[in-house]
Amino acid sequence: MLDTDPKRPLARVIAGLAGLAVFGWGVRGISLQGDLHYRNWFGELIFAPFAILFGLVIVLSALFKPEILGRPGTRPKR
């Protein structure tokens, strides 16, 4: 989650770029390696279609529903 107002344009641009990066890693894993899994920086396997889906969710939420990217609202005590 971002520690800023998610409706600010800069926060939305950064979230969109992060989503494109995750999407790109998933597409690269499938297209270049021809495999459904790829290894991240820590050596763990990542399921490429899940990375593509997660990247698309981030990009679409940055474009259309930025409230998803922010902190959840505080609940009143009573």
C-alpha atoms as a PDB file:
ATOM      1  CA  MET A   1       0.000   0.000   0.000  1.00  0.00           C
ATOM      2  CA  LEU A   2       1.108   3.522  -0.636  1.00  0.00           C
ATOM      3  CA  ASP A   3       1.708   5.869   2.251  1.00  0.00           C
ATOM      4  CA  THR A   4       0.159   8.807   0.407  1.00  0.00           C
ATOM      5  CA  ASP A   5      -3.166   9.901  -0.975  1.00  0.00           C
ATOM      6  CA  PRO A   6      -3.816   7.425  -3.802  1.00  0.00           C
ATOM      7  CA  LYS A   7      -5.785   9.996  -5.795  1.00  0.00           C
ATOM      8  CA  ARG A   8      -2.693  12.144  -6.380  1.00  0.00           C
ATOM      9  CA  PRO A   9      -1.488  11.894  -9.985  1.00  0.00           C
ATOM     10  CA  LEU A  10       2.115  11.082  -9.042  1.00  0.00           C
ATOM     11  CA  ALA A  11       1.043   8.184  -6.820  1.00  0.00           C
ATOM     12  CA  ARG A  12      -1.166   6.841  -9.603  1.00  0.00           C
ATOM     13  CA  VAL A  13       1.664   7.079 -12.150  1.00  0.00           C
ATOM     14  CA  ILE A  14       4.095   5.263  -9.849  1.00  0.00           C
ATOM     15  CA  ALA A  15       1.537   2.538  -9.135  1.00  0.00           C
ATOM     16  CA  GLY A  16       0.859   2.187 -12.860  1.00  0.00           C
ATOM     17  CA  LEU A  17       4.558   1.839 -13.631  1.00  0.00           C
ATOM     18  CA  ALA A  18       4.959  -0.755 -10.880  1.00  0.00           C
ATOM     19  CA  GLY A  19       2.015  -2.688 -12.337  1.00  0.00           C
ATOM     20  CA  LEU A  20       3.559  -2.548 -15.807  1.00  0.00           C
ATOM     21  CA  ALA A  21       6.834  -3.860 -14.407  1.00  0.00           C
ATOM     22  CA  VAL A  22       5.115  -6.845 -12.753  1.00  0.00           C
ATOM     23  CA  PHE A  23       3.133  -7.457 -15.937  1.00  0.00           C
ATOM     24  CA  GLY A  24       6.317  -7.291 -18.013  1.00  0.00           C
ATOM     25  CA  TRP A  25       8.135  -9.784 -15.799  1.00  0.00           C
ATOM     26  CA  GLY A  26       5.274 -12.242 -16.227  1.00  0.00           C
ATOM     27  CA  VAL A  27       5.133 -11.807 -19.991  1.00  0.00           C
ATOM     28  CA  ARG A  28       8.905 -12.118 -20.257  1.00  0.00           C
ATOM     29  CA  GLY A  29       8.818 -15.337 -18.258  1.00  0.00           C
ATOM     30  CA  ILE A  30       6.337 -16.878 -20.653  1.00  0.00           C
ATOM     31  CA  SER A  31       7.633 -15.516 -23.953  1.00  0.00           C
ATOM     32  CA  LEU A  32      11.412 -15.708 -23.565  1.00  0.00           C
ATOM     33  CA  GLN A  33      11.754 -18.776 -21.411  1.00  0.00           C
ATOM     34  CA  GLY A  34       8.658 -20.566 -22.709  1.00  0.00           C
ATOM     35  CA  ASP A  35       7.803 -21.680 -19.197  1.00  0.00           C
ATOM     36  CA  LEU A  36       4.947 -20.862 -16.847  1.00  0.00           C
ATOM     37  CA  HIS A  37       7.347 -20.232 -13.949  1.00  0.00           C
ATOM     38  CA  TYR A  38      10.329 -17.945 -13.538  1.00  0.00           C
ATOM     39  CA  ARG A  39      12.687 -17.187 -10.677  1.00  0.00           C
ATOM     40  CA  ASN A  40      12.677 -13.837  -8.896  1.00  0.00           C
ATOM     41  CA  TRP A  41      15.646 -12.064  -7.285  1.00  0.00           C
ATOM     42  CA  PHE A  42      15.468 -14.327  -4.245  1.00  0.00           C
ATOM     43  CA  GLY A  43      15.522 -17.543  -6.281  1.00  0.00           C
ATOM     44  CA  GLU A  44      11.880 -18.398  -5.629  1.00  0.00           C
ATOM     45  CA  LEU A  45       9.541 -19.597  -8.355  1.00  0.00           C
ATOM     46  CA  ILE A  46       6.826 -17.213  -9.522  1.00  0.00           C
ATOM     47  CA  PHE A  47       3.817 -18.375 -11.518  1.00  0.00           C
ATOM     48  CA  ALA A  48       3.933 -16.110 -14.586  1.00  0.00           C
ATOM     49  CA  PRO A  49       0.162 -15.954 -15.319  1.00  0.00           C
ATOM     50  CA  PHE A  50      -0.417 -14.845 -11.725  1.00  0.00           C
ATOM     51  CA  ALA A  51       2.197 -12.096 -12.162  1.00  0.00           C
ATOM     52  CA  ILE A  52       0.448 -10.958 -15.345  1.00  0.00           C
ATOM     53  CA  LEU A  53      -2.931 -10.892 -13.611  1.00  0.00           C
ATOM     54  CA  PHE A  54      -1.546  -9.066 -10.560  1.00  0.00           C
ATOM     55  CA  GLY A  55       0.160  -6.487 -12.797  1.00  0.00           C
ATOM     56  CA  LEU A  56      -3.069  -5.857 -14.698  1.00  0.00           C
ATOM     57  CA  VAL A  57      -5.004  -5.425 -11.449  1.00  0.00           C
ATOM     58  CA  ILE A  58      -2.499  -2.815 -10.251  1.00  0.00           C
ATOM     59  CA  VAL A  59      -2.582  -0.897 -13.544  1.00  0.00           C
ATOM     60  CA  LEU A  60      -6.376  -0.950 -13.783  1.00  0.00           C
ATOM     61  CA  SER A  61      -6.805   0.115 -10.169  1.00  0.00           C
ATOM     62  CA  ALA A  62      -4.369   2.993 -10.721  1.00  0.00           C
ATOM     63  CA  LEU A  63      -6.400   4.097 -13.726  1.00  0.00           C
ATOM     64  CA  PHE A  64      -9.969   3.615 -12.556  1.00  0.00           C
ATOM     65  CA  LYS A  65     -10.148   2.929  -8.791  1.00  0.00           C
ATOM     66  CA  PRO A  66      -7.163   4.470  -6.943  1.00  0.00           C
ATOM     67  CA  GLU A  67      -8.780   4.018  -3.514  1.00  0.00           C
ATOM     68  CA  ILE A  68      -7.749   0.336  -3.670  1.00  0.00           C
ATOM     69  CA  LEU A  69      -4.085   1.379  -3.614  1.00  0.00           C
ATOM     70  CA  GLY A  70      -4.288   3.399  -0.392  1.00  0.00           C
ATOM     71  CA  ARG A  71      -4.529   2.526   3.244  1.00  0.00           C
ATOM     72  CA  PRO A  72      -7.835   1.228   4.527  1.00  0.00           C
ATOM     73  CA  GLY A  73      -9.912   3.751   6.398  1.00  0.00           C
ATOM     74  CA  THR A  74      -9.780   3.791  10.171  1.00  0.00           C
ATOM     75  CA  ARG A  75     -12.859   2.449  11.839  1.00  0.00           C
ATOM     76  CA  PRO A  76     -14.545   4.552  14.458  1.00  0.00           C
ATOM     77  CA  LYS A  77     -14.197   3.134  17.955  1.00  0.00           C
ATOM     78  CA  ARG A  78     -17.915   3.656  18.564  1.00  0.00           C
END
